[in-house]
Amino acid sequence: MSRTIKTCAVLCFVVYACISVFGQGGERGRGGGGAGGRGGTASALPDNPQSLQHIDAAKKLAGNDPVLMTAESFFCTVTDFNKPGPELEPMKVFDNLYAIPSSPVQQTTVWAINTRDGIILIDSGQQGRTEAIVAELQKVGLDPAKVKYILLGHGHGDHFAGAPYFQEHYGTKVGASAKDWDLMWPANPPPARGNNPPQQPPKRDLVLEEGKPITLGGETVNIVNIPGHTPGSLAFIFEVRDNGKKHVAGLYGGTIMAEGGIPTEGLKQYIQSINHYLEIAKKMHVDVEIQNHALFDDTPGRLERVKARKPGEPNPFLMPTAKYVTFWNVVSECIQAELAKRPATPAPSGN
């Protein structure tokens, strides 16, 4: 292998490692969480016939559906995902599921699953928001001392920031994938940015694995591996009830938003992860869509409709399984459009 190719390979690995640690728009694995600066979804690279073909496919999939059109616009165009959204209020969305807003920046959201034996949180909120998360749980009638598990969609600071507090004060057990535990606790931690000390991640309690669900109080959370945003990103599938009627919720916990900053191999892996996740989502008949970055699925609007919902009206978070699959296929087409805009990597020539 030539020296030039070796150098390129090393640089590509370093870039991918840095993005995996620091994430998108300022997220950090062992750092201050949240979104610093500005960030765009699709890159500003010029389109070509191949990328336009994927964009057209995304538009056709979206049709005239407002939710699908929102996803297509968010991922297929250059969207500033760090522009603060509306301040949301905590809310009971299903009989056993509550939305606990963390930050209007990247619309970071914690989800609380209430069981007869305690509470499971999916993620734990942004840095500086722990007291607010505790207060919001109490506002909707949930006791933070009953939080038994925190399951992390991925190991960035805007998702794990509140976890150490729950461990220390309530004995909560925190779970993440093995690869993202390594991301949060790297052998060689990155230096602090500016005057901010690195944010302390939670203690390693549980290693979450696909095929090994977490069960509490009769409720089961299924784990799906979805590497791409981080090496060990996870999705969660679990049962919810709406006035006693059973449904299945899906949360894809590792959404890539800064498409232009992710190496080509990372985006290819992300597309594979979407396909893998959808195979399981179809088998489990997922018909409820929720997000931990609720930017591209009209969560603010749907929460308002939940608040104003009258008896007999459908829950705004319900989404037929076929539409749920289409939703993520729209995202996939936009990511494929991003890949198509990139110049082809030349094949190695000699040693």
Protein backbone atom coordinates (compact mmCIF):
# COMPACT_ATOMS: atom_id res chain seq x y z
CA MET A 1 0.00 0.00 0.00
CA SER A 2 1.36 3.46 -0.92
CA ARG A 3 2.20 6.06 1.73
CA THR A 4 -0.54 8.34 0.35
CA ILE A 5 -3.21 5.69 0.70
CA LYS A 6 -2.03 4.75 4.20
CA THR A 7 -2.16 8.41 5.24
CA CYS A 8 -5.65 8.81 3.80
CA ALA A 9 -6.86 5.71 5.61
CA VAL A 10 -5.51 6.96 8.93
CA LEU A 11 -7.07 10.39 8.46
CA CYS A 12 -10.44 8.89 7.54
CA PHE A 13 -10.39 6.73 10.65
CA VAL A 14 -9.52 9.71 12.84
CA VAL A 15 -12.33 11.80 11.34
CA TYR A 16 -14.87 9.01 11.88
CA ALA A 17 -13.68 8.45 15.45
CA CYS A 18 -13.98 12.14 16.26
CA ILE A 19 -17.48 12.37 14.81
CA SER A 20 -18.53 9.27 16.73
CA VAL A 21 -17.35 10.88 19.96
CA PHE A 22 -18.51 14.44 19.40
CA GLY A 23 -21.62 13.66 17.40
CA GLN A 24 -23.64 16.26 15.57
CA GLY A 25 -23.91 19.93 16.28
CA GLY A 26 -21.93 19.77 19.50
CA GLU A 27 -23.11 16.54 21.14
CA ARG A 28 -20.28 14.95 23.09
CA GLY A 29 -19.65 11.48 24.38
CA ARG A 30 -17.64 12.46 27.45
CA GLY A 31 -18.47 16.14 27.35
CA GLY A 32 -20.99 18.85 27.68
CA GLY A 33 -23.89 17.45 25.70
CA GLY A 34 -26.27 19.61 23.76
CA ALA A 35 -25.88 21.50 20.56
CA GLY A 36 -23.25 24.14 20.14
CA GLY A 37 -23.04 26.41 17.12
CA ARG A 38 -25.11 25.82 14.01
CA GLY A 39 -25.66 22.63 12.08
CA GLY A 40 -27.25 21.58 8.81
CA THR A 41 -28.77 18.24 7.87
CA ALA A 42 -28.06 17.63 4.17
CA SER A 43 -24.74 18.98 2.95
CA ALA A 44 -24.40 21.85 0.47
CA LEU A 45 -22.75 19.59 -2.12
CA PRO A 46 -24.37 20.01 -5.55
CA ASP A 47 -26.96 17.48 -6.61
CA ASN A 48 -26.49 15.13 -9.53
CA PRO A 49 -28.86 12.79 -11.40
CA GLN A 50 -28.29 10.00 -8.87
CA SER A 51 -28.96 12.17 -5.80
CA LEU A 52 -32.01 13.74 -7.43
CA GLN A 53 -33.36 10.26 -8.11
CA HIS A 54 -33.25 9.50 -4.37
CA ILE A 55 -34.79 12.87 -3.49
CA ASP A 56 -37.61 12.24 -5.97
CA ALA A 57 -38.12 8.80 -4.40
CA ALA A 58 -38.37 10.42 -0.95
CA LYS A 59 -40.92 12.93 -2.25
CA LYS A 60 -43.01 10.19 -3.84
CA LEU A 61 -42.97 8.18 -0.61
CA ALA A 62 -44.01 11.27 1.36
CA GLY A 63 -46.82 12.19 -1.02
CA ASN A 64 -49.13 14.76 0.57
CA ASP A 65 -48.82 13.38 4.10
CA PRO A 66 -47.78 16.26 6.43
CA VAL A 67 -45.68 14.08 8.76
CA LEU A 68 -43.84 12.32 5.92
CA MET A 69 -43.35 15.64 4.12
CA THR A 70 -41.80 17.09 7.28
CA ALA A 71 -39.27 14.23 7.39
CA GLU A 72 -38.47 14.61 3.68
CA SER A 73 -37.92 18.35 3.99
CA PHE A 74 -35.82 17.97 7.13
CA PHE A 75 -33.41 15.37 5.76
CA CYS A 76 -33.37 16.06 2.02
CA THR A 77 -32.70 19.80 2.30
CA VAL A 78 -30.18 21.84 4.29
CA THR A 79 -32.05 22.33 7.58
CA ASP A 80 -30.59 24.09 10.63
CA PHE A 81 -31.28 21.47 13.29
CA ASN A 82 -29.76 23.65 16.04
CA LYS A 83 -32.41 26.36 15.64
CA PRO A 84 -34.35 26.23 18.92
CA GLY A 85 -37.86 24.85 18.67
CA PRO A 86 -40.83 25.59 20.90
CA GLU A 87 -40.73 25.04 24.65
CA LEU A 88 -42.76 21.91 25.32
CA GLU A 89 -44.56 20.88 28.47
CA PRO A 90 -44.43 17.40 30.01
CA MET A 91 -47.44 15.34 29.09
CA LYS A 92 -49.09 11.95 29.42
CA VAL A 93 -49.25 10.64 25.85
CA PHE A 94 -50.47 7.08 26.47
CA ASP A 95 -51.76 5.29 29.55
CA ASN A 96 -48.21 4.24 30.43
CA LEU A 97 -46.03 6.66 28.43
CA TYR A 98 -45.07 10.26 29.18
CA ALA A 99 -43.13 12.86 27.17
CA ILE A 100 -40.62 14.75 29.33
CA PRO A 101 -39.03 17.59 27.30
CA SER A 102 -35.35 18.21 27.92
CA SER A 103 -34.36 21.10 25.63
CA PRO A 104 -35.84 23.09 22.73
CA VAL A 105 -32.39 22.88 21.11
CA GLN A 106 -32.57 19.79 18.90
CA GLN A 107 -35.90 19.16 20.71
CA THR A 108 -34.22 16.62 23.02
CA THR A 109 -36.94 14.57 24.72
CA VAL A 110 -36.95 11.99 27.52
CA TRP A 111 -39.68 9.32 27.53
CA ALA A 112 -40.99 7.75 30.74
CA ILE A 113 -42.59 4.29 30.74
CA ASN A 114 -44.64 3.84 33.91
CA THR A 115 -45.01 0.31 35.28
CA ARG A 116 -46.52 -1.16 38.44
CA ASP A 117 -43.00 -1.68 39.83
CA GLY A 118 -41.40 1.61 38.87
CA ILE A 119 -40.40 3.77 35.91
CA ILE A 120 -38.16 3.21 32.89
CA LEU A 121 -36.68 6.35 31.32
CA ILE A 122 -35.42 6.39 27.76
CA ASP A 123 -32.52 8.86 28.00
CA SER A 124 -32.03 11.28 30.87
CA GLY A 125 -31.84 14.78 29.42
CA GLN A 126 -29.47 17.57 28.54
CA GLN A 127 -26.72 19.00 30.74
CA GLY A 128 -28.10 21.60 33.13
CA ARG A 129 -31.64 20.23 32.83
CA THR A 130 -31.65 17.53 35.51
CA GLU A 131 -33.60 19.54 38.06
CA ALA A 132 -36.12 20.43 35.36
CA ILE A 133 -36.47 16.76 34.37
CA VAL A 134 -37.15 15.83 38.00
CA ALA A 135 -39.72 18.62 38.31
CA GLU A 136 -41.41 17.64 35.03
CA LEU A 137 -41.73 14.03 36.18
CA GLN A 138 -43.40 15.27 39.34
CA LYS A 139 -45.65 17.60 37.36
CA VAL A 140 -47.21 14.66 35.50
CA GLY A 141 -47.56 12.65 38.71
CA LEU A 142 -44.45 10.47 38.44
CA ASP A 143 -42.10 10.02 41.39
CA PRO A 144 -38.45 10.37 40.26
CA ALA A 145 -37.41 8.13 43.17
CA LYS A 146 -39.25 5.29 41.39
CA VAL A 147 -37.07 5.49 38.26
CA LYS A 148 -35.54 2.00 38.21
CA TYR A 149 -33.87 2.08 34.78
CA ILE A 150 -32.48 4.64 32.36
CA LEU A 151 -31.92 3.20 28.88
CA LEU A 152 -29.67 5.31 26.66
CA GLY A 153 -30.37 5.52 22.93
CA HIS A 154 -26.73 6.48 22.45
CA GLY A 155 -23.78 7.72 24.44
CA HIS A 156 -23.81 11.46 23.85
CA GLY A 157 -24.02 13.99 26.65
CA ASP A 158 -27.42 15.42 25.75
CA HIS A 159 -28.87 11.97 26.44
CA PHE A 160 -26.84 10.77 29.45
CA ALA A 161 -26.39 14.06 31.36
CA GLY A 162 -29.03 13.44 34.01
CA ALA A 163 -28.19 9.77 34.55
CA PRO A 164 -25.47 10.20 37.24
CA TYR A 165 -27.92 12.20 39.37
CA PHE A 166 -30.51 9.42 39.23
CA GLN A 167 -27.84 6.85 40.06
CA GLU A 168 -26.62 8.82 43.05
CA HIS A 169 -29.98 9.93 44.48
CA TYR A 170 -32.34 7.07 43.59
CA GLY A 171 -30.17 4.03 42.86
CA THR A 172 -31.33 3.98 39.24
CA LYS A 173 -29.58 1.47 36.96
CA VAL A 174 -28.31 2.87 33.66
CA GLY A 175 -28.04 0.77 30.51
CA ALA A 176 -26.24 1.37 27.21
CA SER A 177 -24.63 -0.79 24.54
CA ALA A 178 -21.09 -2.04 25.17
CA LYS A 179 -19.70 0.11 22.34
CA ASP A 180 -21.33 3.25 23.67
CA TRP A 181 -20.13 2.57 27.21
CA ASP A 182 -16.68 2.60 25.62
CA LEU A 183 -17.62 5.83 23.86
CA MET A 184 -18.62 7.45 27.17
CA TRP A 185 -15.58 6.06 29.00
CA PRO A 186 -12.80 6.09 26.37
CA ALA A 187 -9.32 4.86 27.21
CA ASN A 188 -7.97 8.27 26.20
CA PRO A 189 -10.61 10.93 26.96
CA PRO A 190 -10.64 13.96 24.64
CA PRO A 191 -9.45 17.25 26.15
CA ALA A 192 -11.95 19.71 27.58
CA ARG A 193 -13.31 22.38 25.24
CA GLY A 194 -12.53 25.89 26.47
CA ASN A 195 -13.00 26.29 30.20
CA ASN A 196 -15.66 23.57 30.47
CA PRO A 197 -14.54 20.39 32.25
CA PRO A 198 -15.58 17.11 30.60
CA GLN A 199 -19.04 16.02 31.65
CA GLN A 200 -19.06 12.97 33.89
CA PRO A 201 -20.87 10.02 32.30
CA PRO A 202 -22.94 7.60 34.39
CA LYS A 203 -21.42 4.54 36.01
CA ARG A 204 -21.56 1.41 33.88
CA ASP A 205 -24.48 -0.63 35.25
CA LEU A 206 -26.07 -2.59 32.42
CA VAL A 207 -24.87 -3.59 28.96
CA LEU A 208 -27.86 -3.58 26.62
CA GLU A 209 -27.92 -6.16 23.83
CA GLU A 210 -30.29 -6.97 21.00
CA GLY A 211 -32.32 -10.03 21.87
CA LYS A 212 -32.07 -9.38 25.62
CA PRO A 213 -35.05 -7.16 26.56
CA ILE A 214 -35.41 -5.17 29.77
CA THR A 215 -38.49 -6.07 31.80
CA LEU A 216 -40.02 -4.20 34.74
CA GLY A 217 -43.47 -4.47 36.27
CA GLY A 218 -44.91 -6.48 33.39
CA GLU A 219 -43.58 -4.07 30.76
CA THR A 220 -40.91 -5.18 28.27
CA VAL A 221 -38.54 -2.97 26.28
CA ASN A 222 -36.97 -4.69 23.28
CA ILE A 223 -33.49 -3.65 22.17
CA VAL A 224 -32.38 -3.24 18.53
CA ASN A 225 -28.82 -2.46 17.44
CA ILE A 226 -28.67 0.52 15.06
CA PRO A 227 -25.01 1.61 14.71
CA GLY A 228 -24.32 4.68 12.61
CA HIS A 229 -24.83 7.81 14.67
CA THR A 230 -22.57 6.23 17.28
CA PRO A 231 -20.95 2.78 17.21
CA GLY A 232 -23.53 1.44 19.66
CA SER A 233 -26.75 3.37 19.03
CA LEU A 234 -29.93 1.55 20.02
CA ALA A 235 -33.62 1.54 19.16
CA PHE A 236 -36.36 0.54 21.58
CA ILE A 237 -39.68 -1.19 20.88
CA PHE A 238 -42.28 -1.59 23.61
CA GLU A 239 -46.00 -1.82 24.28
CA VAL A 240 -48.12 1.21 25.10
CA ARG A 241 -51.82 1.44 25.86
CA ASP A 242 -54.33 4.04 24.79
CA ASN A 243 -57.45 3.90 26.96
CA GLY A 244 -56.58 0.27 27.56
CA LYS A 245 -56.05 -0.64 23.90
CA LYS A 246 -52.60 -2.08 23.14
CA HIS A 247 -50.21 -0.53 20.63
CA VAL A 248 -46.48 -0.88 19.95
CA ALA A 249 -44.13 2.11 20.13
CA GLY A 250 -40.82 2.42 18.33
CA LEU A 251 -38.05 4.87 19.21
CA TYR A 252 -35.01 5.04 16.91
CA GLY A 253 -32.43 6.29 19.39
CA GLY A 254 -29.56 7.24 17.08
CA THR A 255 -30.73 9.62 14.36
CA ILE A 256 -28.04 11.21 12.18
CA MET A 257 -28.84 14.84 11.52
CA ALA A 258 -25.47 16.30 10.43
CA GLU A 259 -25.32 14.17 7.29
CA GLY A 260 -22.56 16.20 5.67
CA GLY A 261 -20.19 15.64 8.59
CA ILE A 262 -20.48 11.85 8.67
CA PRO A 263 -17.96 9.77 6.67
CA THR A 264 -19.29 7.72 3.79
CA GLU A 265 -18.87 4.40 5.61
CA GLY A 266 -20.83 5.80 8.55
CA LEU A 267 -23.77 6.77 6.34
CA LYS A 268 -23.72 3.38 4.62
CA GLN A 269 -23.84 1.69 8.01
CA TYR A 270 -26.72 3.97 9.03
CA ILE A 271 -28.77 2.92 6.00
CA GLN A 272 -28.12 -0.73 6.85
CA SER A 273 -29.25 -0.05 10.42
CA ILE A 274 -32.51 1.52 9.23
CA ASN A 275 -33.18 -1.57 7.10
CA HIS A 276 -32.40 -3.90 10.01
CA TYR A 277 -34.60 -1.91 12.38
CA LEU A 278 -37.53 -1.86 9.95
CA GLU A 279 -37.42 -5.64 9.56
CA ILE A 280 -37.99 -5.94 13.31
CA ALA A 281 -40.48 -3.06 13.46
CA LYS A 282 -42.63 -4.74 10.81
CA LYS A 283 -42.57 -8.08 12.62
CA MET A 284 -43.53 -6.40 15.90
CA HIS A 285 -46.21 -4.23 14.22
CA VAL A 286 -44.91 -0.88 15.47
CA ASP A 287 -47.73 1.66 15.16
CA VAL A 288 -46.54 4.50 17.43
CA GLU A 289 -43.71 6.82 16.36
CA ILE A 290 -41.69 8.72 18.98
CA GLN A 291 -38.24 10.32 18.97
CA ASN A 292 -35.55 11.42 21.43
CA HIS A 293 -34.73 14.27 18.99
CA ALA A 294 -38.31 15.24 18.16
CA LEU A 295 -37.43 17.61 15.32
CA PHE A 296 -38.73 15.95 12.19
CA ASP A 297 -41.95 14.18 13.16
CA ASP A 298 -44.16 17.08 14.31
CA THR A 299 -43.92 16.07 17.97
CA PRO A 300 -44.72 19.64 19.16
CA GLY A 301 -47.88 19.70 17.06
CA ARG A 302 -48.88 16.21 18.09
CA LEU A 303 -48.42 17.05 21.79
CA GLU A 304 -50.72 20.03 21.34
CA ARG A 305 -53.31 17.74 19.76
CA VAL A 306 -52.95 15.29 22.65
CA LYS A 307 -53.65 18.15 25.04
CA ALA A 308 -56.78 19.17 23.10
CA ARG A 309 -57.90 15.62 22.34
CA LYS A 310 -61.58 14.88 22.90
CA PRO A 311 -63.03 11.48 23.90
CA GLY A 312 -63.23 9.17 20.93
CA GLU A 313 -60.60 11.01 18.89
CA PRO A 314 -57.54 8.96 17.79
CA ASN A 315 -54.23 9.45 19.55
CA PRO A 316 -52.08 11.76 17.37
CA PHE A 317 -49.02 9.56 17.97
CA LEU A 318 -50.62 6.53 16.32
CA MET A 319 -49.13 5.70 12.93
CA PRO A 320 -50.07 2.58 10.93
CA THR A 321 -47.16 0.17 10.59
CA ALA A 322 -47.00 0.66 6.82
CA LYS A 323 -46.72 4.43 7.29
CA TYR A 324 -44.11 3.97 10.02
CA VAL A 325 -42.00 1.92 7.62
CA THR A 326 -42.50 4.55 4.91
CA PHE A 327 -41.45 7.28 7.36
CA TRP A 328 -38.04 5.68 7.87
CA ASN A 329 -37.71 4.81 4.19
CA VAL A 330 -38.10 8.53 3.47
CA VAL A 331 -35.18 9.17 5.82
CA SER A 332 -33.16 6.43 4.13
CA GLU A 333 -33.75 7.87 0.64
CA CYS A 334 -32.52 11.27 1.82
CA ILE A 335 -29.37 9.71 3.31
CA GLN A 336 -28.81 7.84 0.04
CA ALA A 337 -29.15 11.16 -1.79
CA GLU A 338 -26.40 12.56 0.44
CA LEU A 339 -24.18 9.59 -0.41
CA ALA A 340 -24.85 10.00 -4.13
CA LYS A 341 -23.63 13.61 -4.03
CA ARG A 342 -20.20 12.55 -2.85
CA PRO A 343 -17.38 11.87 -5.31
CA ALA A 344 -16.54 8.21 -5.77
CA THR A 345 -13.52 7.01 -3.81
CA PRO A 346 -10.76 5.99 -6.23
CA ALA A 347 -9.63 2.39 -6.00
CA PRO A 348 -6.09 1.79 -4.62
CA SER A 349 -3.47 1.66 -7.36
CA GLY A 350 -0.60 -0.67 -6.54
CA ASN A 351 1.41 -1.07 -3.33
